[in-house]
Amino acid sequence: MIRRLLDVVLLLLGLCLPAIAEEMPECRPLQAGRVEYDGPSRFDRGLLWEVRAPNGSTSHVFGTIHVADDDIVNLAEPVNARLEASRTFVMEVVPEPEEIMEMAAMMYAGDGETLDALISAPLFQRVVEILAAYNLPEVAIASMRPWSAYLTMSYPADMRPVLDLRLLEQAMAAGMETHGLESLLEQGRIFSDLSTTDQVRLLADTACHHDRLRADMEVMKRLYLARDLKGMFVHGQLQAFADNELYEQLSDRLLVQRNEVMAERMQPYLEAGGAFVAVGAMHLPGQEGILNRLAKAGFKVERVY
């Protein structure tokens, strides 16, 4: 259960909204989103980047996708070679046991406010139906906070370690130093700090359009394997709602604000050299993406793969 909670938390790389509504009172239709991409074209494609610090030290930044598919977790030779040659491994978060337990406590309500009391009976049954694939019984689902149920069902019910954790395991086996750019609780608070109304809105939209979410994830995986960062960025915003303010705010917190924090926090490791930094691929492209932020900070960024 703890492994699954951790996998879910690591799946914070952007919103791929699903699209076939069920007949539930909370459901609302999707429409075409306003896709705007203003990123430097040289960062549009590529997963592995060599980053040379102003002092001449060399490291690598690698874009991940937080899934466990065999064709994704089996690293391409250029990626594996750079990882094995590195001294330090850095990822979004290296969870500590105490943090994992605190995160688990955040995900479940302890104040008697059960999920089935917050949403309609049809929606709750739809949530139970979807989360059954995650081996979650109805009694556990009823005690989940809306944001944790939303986050869990937003990604495939694959219990194997996602790519990021596989990289961490490989780095630890090689005896590398390991560091996180964020804490597990920092990531969780992006959602837990939302109002209950907003949490329920996210859960309802995802449950209503879950079939589309699964289809969109398959598209995102294909774009990832094609190393198409711009395509991932654009596809992640193709669907929207008439009232899309919540998602615009969430996207700003998930991507723009975290890009700034992670780009700043990784710089000491890049300046020391020999670092392999793995972050979600959606954090790399765009005007506000990590690659452009590093370039503006004086780092030389060149695509390797």
Foldseek 3Di string as FASTA:
>chain_A
DLLLLVLLLQQLQFAQFFAAFDPFPLEDHKDFFDFDFDWDPQLQFFFKKWKAFPVGFIAIEGAAHSAADPVRLPDDPVLVVLLLQFQEEEEAEDADPVLSVVLVVLFFDPPPQWPPNVGDPVLLVLLQVQCVLLVDHSVRNRGTQLQNSLSSSLDDSDSDGTNVVSSVVVCVVSVHHYYHLDYSVVSSCLRSVDDSVLSNSSNNSCSRRVVRSVVLVVVLVVCVVRRRQNVNLRSSRGMAGPPRVSSVVSRCVSAQVVQVSSLVSCVVVRNVHRYYYYYHSNQATGCSHSVVVSVVVPMDMGHDD
